[in-house]
Amino acid sequence: GRPVVDLPGLGGGGLPGQPTATKAWKIHYRSTTADGAPNVVSGTVIVPQDGRTGPRPLITYAVGTVGLGDACAPSANFPHGTGLEANLIQQLTWRGWAVVVTDYEGLGTPGTHTYTVGPSAGHAVLDAARAAQRLPEAGLSTDGPVGIMGYSQGGQASSWAAELQGSYAPELKVKGTATGGVPADLQRVAAFNDGSYGSGLVFMAAAGQDAAFPELKLDSYLNPQGKALVDFFRQNCVAVDATVGSFKRISDLTTTDPLERPEWQARLNQSKLGRTAPAAPVYQYHALGDELIPYAVGRSLRADWCARGADVQWSTIWVGEHVSGVITEAYAAQEWLADRFAGRAAHGTC
């Protein structure tokens, strides 16, 4: 088992601004880096106070991009009612489900956040579920049903958790994964965003890869403007990052393009999804008009999973763009997970 350290902080208090009566705890728990070394990750366990007896479903929830600075970590924002996805998480606790929200590697803990490093994020999501089940105060069972959920960066993390679960955490009773807006192929996503609205995310991703794999030496590729931008990203959160980083070209901020280097391509390829079929059923959704993560990237992941025999139910979000997709599809994704927890058969659409 992976021991849990309960921290002062939330310490079993409720969450501000949430109508459901809950208790929440900040935890530090053991996990694993992308290359298999042990690490420690922080997170938040949230349990409804509804008198329920019997096994309570647990959602291990992977948030979308919050930024690289420690102040952006979900656990730093929940006590103040400033968590970006707190309302979506509240919809899960309203159903009587416990939720654990990982901060991911390096977000709220020492070091730089390994943003977009898929295997690290997948480990953090799975180990968060293990940690929540072992937190005595939470009252969860180690053989209770588990669901995995996430969108955008959280789509990558939840999809990686789904792919890794059968080998990394086979004891978890994962009933299904709801994953959306998934950046399944970082090289395709980077090419799509170069010079456009989402270009800041490309440089944040480069900083995240460099944090995980220092031999990539990101700073050696950056010109002074590029170094200043990446240093800014390392300290700040997504709302300001996206604005400051928009419409920048890789060629404007680098002396040579790191994405053309084989060592960078190999590390980005390490985060490519679709090579392993998730053991549990998947509900995958993507906005047709997604301006940050191309719809075709999501469709490719679905095709790869289906070809490997996965049980995938696909949903196209016909109206809206990337950020609205997590909200408009939330109810359908929750209902799908509720069906899995109720023991109903999944109906994949491969």
Protein backbone atom coordinates (compact mmCIF):
# COMPACT_ATOMS: atom_id res chain seq x y z
CA GLY A 1 0.00 0.00 0.00
CA ARG A 2 0.97 3.60 -0.54
CA PRO A 3 0.84 5.46 2.77
CA VAL A 4 -1.04 8.71 3.00
CA VAL A 5 0.01 11.79 4.94
CA ASP A 6 -2.95 13.89 6.07
CA LEU A 7 -2.00 17.55 6.21
CA PRO A 8 -3.33 20.53 8.07
CA GLY A 9 -5.16 22.82 5.69
CA LEU A 10 -8.70 21.80 4.94
CA GLY A 11 -8.39 19.22 7.73
CA GLY A 12 -11.91 17.89 7.37
CA GLY A 13 -13.66 21.23 6.94
CA GLY A 14 -16.28 21.95 4.29
CA LEU A 15 -15.72 23.72 0.99
CA PRO A 16 -16.85 27.36 0.71
CA GLY A 17 -19.50 28.26 -1.82
CA GLN A 18 -20.74 24.68 -2.25
CA PRO A 19 -24.33 23.82 -1.33
CA THR A 20 -23.62 20.13 -0.68
CA ALA A 21 -22.46 19.37 2.86
CA THR A 22 -18.98 17.89 2.48
CA LYS A 23 -15.81 17.38 4.43
CA ALA A 24 -12.47 17.84 2.68
CA TRP A 25 -8.89 16.93 3.49
CA LYS A 26 -5.64 17.93 1.84
CA ILE A 27 -3.34 14.94 1.42
CA HIS A 28 0.20 14.19 0.32
CA TYR A 29 0.58 10.75 -1.21
CA ARG A 30 3.17 8.61 -2.94
CA SER A 31 3.13 8.24 -6.71
CA THR A 32 5.52 7.63 -9.62
CA THR A 33 7.21 9.85 -12.21
CA ALA A 34 6.96 9.22 -15.94
CA ASP A 35 10.22 7.23 -15.79
CA GLY A 36 9.19 5.12 -12.80
CA ALA A 37 10.88 6.90 -9.89
CA PRO A 38 8.94 7.43 -6.63
CA ASN A 39 7.59 10.92 -5.95
CA VAL A 40 5.11 12.68 -3.67
CA VAL A 41 2.01 14.46 -4.98
CA SER A 42 -0.59 16.54 -3.15
CA GLY A 43 -4.35 16.47 -3.60
CA THR A 44 -7.76 16.98 -2.02
CA VAL A 45 -10.28 14.37 -0.82
CA ILE A 46 -13.91 15.56 -0.70
CA VAL A 47 -16.63 13.38 0.86
CA PRO A 48 -20.36 14.19 1.08
CA GLN A 49 -21.78 14.19 4.60
CA ASP A 50 -25.09 12.50 3.78
CA GLY A 51 -25.19 9.56 6.20
CA ARG A 52 -24.70 7.06 3.39
CA THR A 53 -23.77 3.51 4.41
CA GLY A 54 -22.30 0.89 2.11
CA PRO A 55 -19.66 1.41 -0.57
CA ARG A 56 -19.57 5.00 -1.77
CA PRO A 57 -18.40 5.56 -5.36
CA LEU A 58 -15.17 7.52 -5.68
CA ILE A 59 -14.32 9.75 -8.63
CA THR A 60 -10.64 10.45 -9.17
CA TYR A 61 -10.93 13.79 -10.93
CA ALA A 62 -8.28 15.30 -13.18
CA VAL A 63 -8.60 19.07 -13.64
CA GLY A 64 -7.94 20.97 -16.85
CA THR A 65 -5.05 23.38 -17.20
CA VAL A 66 -4.64 25.64 -14.18
CA GLY A 67 -1.05 26.79 -14.78
CA LEU A 68 2.47 25.93 -13.64
CA GLY A 69 2.74 28.05 -10.45
CA ASP A 70 2.16 26.37 -7.08
CA ALA A 71 -0.57 28.93 -6.32
CA CYS A 72 -2.57 27.41 -9.20
CA ALA A 73 -2.87 23.96 -7.55
CA PRO A 74 -6.47 22.85 -6.96
CA SER A 75 -5.72 22.18 -3.28
CA ALA A 76 -4.57 25.80 -2.88
CA ASN A 77 -7.84 27.10 -4.35
CA PHE A 78 -10.58 24.88 -2.91
CA PRO A 79 -10.36 26.41 0.62
CA HIS A 80 -10.95 29.87 -0.88
CA GLY A 81 -13.75 28.89 -3.26
CA THR A 82 -11.53 29.74 -6.25
CA GLY A 83 -11.13 26.27 -7.81
CA LEU A 84 -11.79 26.58 -11.53
CA GLU A 85 -13.82 23.34 -11.71
CA ALA A 86 -15.30 23.44 -8.20
CA ASN A 87 -18.86 23.69 -9.55
CA LEU A 88 -18.38 20.60 -11.74
CA ILE A 89 -16.92 18.71 -8.78
CA GLN A 90 -19.87 19.85 -6.63
CA GLN A 91 -22.18 18.17 -9.15
CA LEU A 92 -20.41 14.87 -8.34
CA THR A 93 -20.66 15.23 -4.56
CA TRP A 94 -24.35 16.17 -4.99
CA ARG A 95 -24.82 12.65 -6.39
CA GLY A 96 -23.33 11.22 -3.20
CA TRP A 97 -19.97 10.42 -4.73
CA ALA A 98 -16.65 11.08 -3.03
CA VAL A 99 -14.09 12.93 -5.15
CA VAL A 100 -10.31 13.05 -4.99
CA VAL A 101 -8.57 15.76 -7.03
CA THR A 102 -4.86 15.36 -7.67
CA ASP A 103 -2.67 18.46 -7.92
CA TYR A 104 -0.40 16.53 -10.36
CA GLU A 105 3.36 16.18 -10.02
CA GLY A 106 5.13 19.41 -9.06
CA LEU A 107 2.00 21.53 -8.64
CA GLY A 108 1.83 22.50 -4.97
CA THR A 109 4.91 20.37 -4.22
CA PRO A 110 8.60 21.12 -4.84
CA GLY A 111 9.81 21.37 -8.43
CA THR A 112 8.12 22.59 -11.59
CA HIS A 113 4.81 21.01 -12.62
CA THR A 114 5.35 18.31 -15.26
CA TYR A 115 2.53 19.72 -17.38
CA THR A 116 1.43 17.45 -20.29
CA VAL A 117 3.68 14.53 -19.25
CA GLY A 118 1.02 11.86 -19.65
CA PRO A 119 2.42 8.87 -17.72
CA SER A 120 3.21 11.02 -14.67
CA ALA A 121 -0.31 12.46 -14.68
CA GLY A 122 -1.88 9.02 -15.11
CA HIS A 123 0.05 7.70 -12.12
CA ALA A 124 -0.99 10.73 -10.04
CA VAL A 125 -4.68 10.17 -10.88
CA LEU A 126 -4.59 6.46 -9.99
CA ASP A 127 -2.54 6.91 -6.82
CA ALA A 128 -4.93 9.66 -5.71
CA ALA A 129 -7.73 7.07 -5.70
CA ARG A 130 -5.58 4.66 -3.69
CA ALA A 131 -4.72 7.41 -1.21
CA ALA A 132 -8.36 8.51 -0.79
CA GLN A 133 -9.44 4.94 -0.08
CA ARG A 134 -6.74 4.70 2.60
CA LEU A 135 -7.55 7.98 4.36
CA PRO A 136 -9.32 6.69 7.50
CA GLU A 137 -11.40 9.84 8.04
CA ALA A 138 -12.88 9.60 4.54
CA GLY A 139 -14.60 6.31 5.32
CA LEU A 140 -14.09 4.86 1.84
CA SER A 141 -13.62 1.19 1.08
CA THR A 142 -10.54 -0.11 -0.74
CA ASP A 143 -12.82 -2.30 -2.83
CA GLY A 144 -15.41 0.43 -3.53
CA PRO A 145 -16.29 1.44 -7.10
CA VAL A 146 -14.04 4.00 -8.80
CA GLY A 147 -14.65 6.29 -11.77
CA ILE A 148 -12.01 8.36 -13.59
CA MET A 149 -12.95 11.77 -15.01
CA GLY A 150 -11.19 14.67 -16.69
CA TYR A 151 -11.17 17.14 -19.56
CA SER A 152 -8.39 18.94 -21.49
CA GLN A 153 -5.17 18.50 -19.47
CA GLY A 154 -7.45 16.37 -17.30
CA GLY A 155 -8.50 14.51 -20.45
CA GLN A 156 -4.88 13.56 -21.04
CA ALA A 157 -4.43 12.60 -17.37
CA SER A 158 -7.66 10.59 -17.15
CA SER A 159 -6.97 8.83 -20.46
CA TRP A 160 -3.47 7.93 -19.27
CA ALA A 161 -4.96 6.67 -16.00
CA ALA A 162 -7.40 4.54 -18.01
CA GLU A 163 -4.59 3.06 -20.12
CA LEU A 164 -2.28 2.42 -17.15
CA GLN A 165 -4.86 1.13 -14.68
CA GLY A 166 -4.82 -2.51 -15.80
CA SER A 167 -1.06 -2.78 -15.21
CA TYR A 168 -0.35 -0.08 -12.60
CA ALA A 169 -3.41 -0.25 -10.32
CA PRO A 170 -5.27 -3.47 -11.21
CA GLU A 171 -6.73 -3.73 -7.69
CA LEU A 172 -8.81 -0.56 -8.15
CA LYS A 173 -12.42 -1.40 -9.05
CA VAL A 174 -12.54 1.07 -11.95
CA LYS A 175 -16.01 1.00 -13.52
CA GLY A 176 -15.33 3.52 -16.28
CA THR A 177 -13.51 6.63 -17.48
CA ALA A 178 -15.20 9.79 -18.78
CA THR A 179 -12.60 11.77 -20.71
CA GLY A 180 -12.95 14.76 -23.01
CA GLY A 181 -10.99 17.26 -25.10
CA VAL A 182 -8.03 14.89 -24.98
CA PRO A 183 -4.63 16.13 -26.29
CA ALA A 184 -3.75 12.58 -27.28
CA ASP A 185 -0.86 13.52 -29.60
CA LEU A 186 1.21 16.47 -28.36
CA GLN A 187 3.13 16.92 -31.61
CA ARG A 188 -0.10 17.38 -33.58
CA VAL A 189 -1.52 19.69 -30.90
CA ALA A 190 1.66 21.82 -30.89
CA ALA A 191 1.66 22.19 -34.68
CA PHE A 192 -2.03 23.19 -34.59
CA ASN A 193 -1.47 25.90 -31.94
CA ASP A 194 1.80 27.41 -33.17
CA GLY A 195 1.18 31.12 -33.71
CA SER A 196 -2.49 30.94 -32.79
CA TYR A 197 -4.75 31.62 -29.81
CA GLY A 198 -3.44 28.61 -27.87
CA SER A 199 0.26 29.12 -28.50
CA GLY A 200 1.00 29.87 -24.84
CA LEU A 201 -0.06 26.32 -24.00
CA VAL A 202 2.68 25.02 -26.35
CA PHE A 203 5.35 26.82 -24.33
CA MET A 204 3.77 25.73 -21.03
CA ALA A 205 3.87 22.15 -22.33
CA ALA A 206 7.52 22.55 -23.29
CA ALA A 207 8.27 23.77 -19.76
CA GLY A 208 6.37 20.78 -18.33
CA GLN A 209 8.29 18.30 -20.46
CA ASP A 210 11.56 20.00 -19.50
CA ALA A 211 10.63 19.73 -15.81
CA ALA A 212 10.20 15.97 -16.17
CA PHE A 213 13.18 15.46 -18.43
CA PRO A 214 15.91 18.03 -17.69
CA GLU A 215 18.15 16.57 -20.40
CA LEU A 216 15.86 18.31 -22.91
CA LYS A 217 17.48 21.63 -21.86
CA LEU A 218 14.58 23.84 -22.96
CA ASP A 219 16.35 27.08 -22.03
CA SER A 220 19.15 26.33 -24.51
CA TYR A 221 16.61 26.67 -27.35
CA LEU A 222 14.98 29.90 -26.17
CA ASN A 223 15.93 33.44 -27.15
CA PRO A 224 15.63 36.20 -24.47
CA GLN A 225 11.93 36.78 -25.21
CA GLY A 226 11.28 33.05 -25.01
CA LYS A 227 13.14 32.72 -21.70
CA ALA A 228 11.17 35.63 -20.24
CA LEU A 229 7.85 34.12 -21.35
CA VAL A 230 8.63 30.65 -19.98
CA ASP A 231 9.88 32.12 -16.67
CA PHE A 232 6.59 34.05 -16.46
CA PHE A 233 4.62 30.84 -17.07
CA ARG A 234 6.51 29.01 -14.34
CA GLN A 235 5.23 31.55 -11.79
CA ASN A 236 1.68 32.27 -12.97
CA CYS A 237 -1.72 30.69 -13.59
CA VAL A 238 -3.64 29.92 -16.73
CA ALA A 239 -5.93 32.94 -17.08
CA VAL A 240 -3.03 35.36 -17.42
CA ASP A 241 -0.80 32.77 -19.15
CA ALA A 242 -3.24 32.24 -22.02
CA THR A 243 -3.54 35.97 -22.63
CA VAL A 244 0.18 36.71 -22.47
CA GLY A 245 1.12 33.66 -24.55
CA SER A 246 -1.36 33.98 -27.40
CA PHE A 247 -0.40 34.35 -31.07
CA LYS A 248 3.29 33.64 -30.50
CA ARG A 249 5.20 31.54 -33.00
CA ILE A 250 7.79 29.00 -31.86
CA SER A 251 10.19 30.60 -34.35
CA ASP A 252 9.72 34.02 -32.69
CA LEU A 253 10.82 32.78 -29.26
CA THR A 254 13.53 30.23 -30.02
CA THR A 255 16.96 30.14 -31.63
CA THR A 256 16.21 26.62 -32.92
CA ASP A 257 12.90 24.76 -32.76
CA PRO A 258 13.15 22.06 -30.07
CA LEU A 259 10.19 20.20 -31.58
CA GLU A 260 12.36 19.32 -34.57
CA ARG A 261 14.93 17.58 -32.35
CA PRO A 262 14.74 13.77 -32.07
CA GLU A 263 15.14 13.80 -28.27
CA TRP A 264 12.15 16.16 -27.94
CA GLN A 265 10.09 14.13 -30.40
CA ALA A 266 10.86 10.95 -28.44
CA ARG A 267 9.72 12.47 -25.14
CA LEU A 268 6.54 13.94 -26.68
CA ASN A 269 5.88 10.53 -28.23
CA GLN A 270 6.15 9.01 -24.73
CA SER A 271 2.97 10.94 -23.85
CA LYS A 272 1.06 9.78 -26.97
CA LEU A 273 -2.14 7.96 -26.13
CA GLY A 274 -3.82 5.09 -27.96
CA ARG A 275 -1.27 2.29 -27.69
CA THR A 276 -3.06 0.41 -24.86
CA ALA A 277 -6.76 -0.35 -24.58
CA PRO A 278 -8.24 0.83 -21.28
CA ALA A 279 -9.35 -2.14 -19.18
CA ALA A 280 -12.65 -0.45 -18.20
CA PRO A 281 -15.23 1.17 -20.52
CA VAL A 282 -14.66 4.74 -21.73
CA TYR A 283 -16.97 7.66 -22.50
CA GLN A 284 -14.98 10.00 -24.76
CA TYR A 285 -16.22 13.40 -25.91
CA HIS A 286 -14.82 16.22 -28.03
CA ALA A 287 -16.14 19.48 -29.43
CA LEU A 288 -16.33 19.60 -33.23
CA GLY A 289 -15.29 23.26 -33.07
CA ASP A 290 -12.46 22.80 -30.56
CA GLU A 291 -9.97 25.60 -31.27
CA LEU A 292 -7.21 24.25 -28.95
CA ILE A 293 -7.23 20.44 -29.25
CA PRO A 294 -8.22 19.44 -32.81
CA TYR A 295 -11.33 17.28 -33.09
CA ALA A 296 -9.34 14.98 -35.39
CA VAL A 297 -6.87 14.25 -32.55
CA GLY A 298 -9.75 13.01 -30.39
CA ARG A 299 -11.15 10.94 -33.26
CA SER A 300 -7.73 9.36 -33.83
CA LEU A 301 -7.54 8.31 -30.18
CA ARG A 302 -10.98 6.75 -30.41
CA ALA A 303 -9.93 4.84 -33.55
CA ASP A 304 -6.73 3.62 -31.88
CA TRP A 305 -8.59 2.44 -28.78
CA CYS A 306 -11.32 0.77 -30.83
CA ALA A 307 -8.72 -1.04 -32.94
CA ARG A 308 -7.26 -2.48 -29.73
CA GLY A 309 -10.63 -3.77 -28.55
CA ALA A 310 -11.54 -1.07 -26.04
CA ASP A 311 -15.18 -0.35 -25.08
CA VAL A 312 -15.56 3.30 -26.15
CA GLN A 313 -18.75 5.34 -26.35
CA TRP A 314 -18.02 8.44 -28.45
CA SER A 315 -19.88 11.75 -28.19
CA THR A 316 -19.43 14.73 -30.50
CA ILE A 317 -20.22 18.11 -28.92
CA TRP A 318 -21.80 19.84 -31.91
CA VAL A 319 -22.06 23.38 -30.49
CA GLY A 320 -19.35 25.38 -28.76
CA GLU A 321 -15.58 25.26 -28.39
CA HIS A 322 -12.93 23.78 -26.12
CA VAL A 323 -13.69 25.44 -22.77
CA SER A 324 -17.48 25.22 -23.07
CA GLY A 325 -17.28 21.47 -23.81
CA VAL A 326 -16.43 20.50 -20.25
CA ILE A 327 -19.60 22.26 -19.03
CA THR A 328 -22.08 21.29 -21.73
CA GLU A 329 -21.12 17.59 -21.64
CA ALA A 330 -20.79 17.34 -17.84
CA TYR A 331 -24.29 15.98 -17.21
CA ALA A 332 -24.06 13.31 -19.92
CA ALA A 333 -20.64 12.19 -18.66
CA GLN A 334 -21.94 12.02 -15.08
CA GLU A 335 -25.01 10.03 -16.15
CA TRP A 336 -22.76 7.60 -18.02
CA LEU A 337 -20.65 7.10 -14.86
CA ALA A 338 -23.82 6.67 -12.79
CA ASP A 339 -24.89 3.85 -15.12
CA ARG A 340 -21.50 2.17 -14.65
CA PHE A 341 -21.78 2.47 -10.85
CA ALA A 342 -25.29 0.98 -11.07
CA GLY A 343 -23.85 -2.07 -12.85
CA ARG A 344 -25.54 -1.39 -16.19
CA ALA A 345 -23.76 -2.66 -19.30
CA ALA A 346 -21.79 -0.12 -21.33
CA HIS A 347 -22.74 0.26 -24.99
CA GLY A 348 -19.60 1.15 -26.90
CA THR A 349 -19.90 2.71 -30.35
CA CYS A 350 -16.69 1.41 -31.95
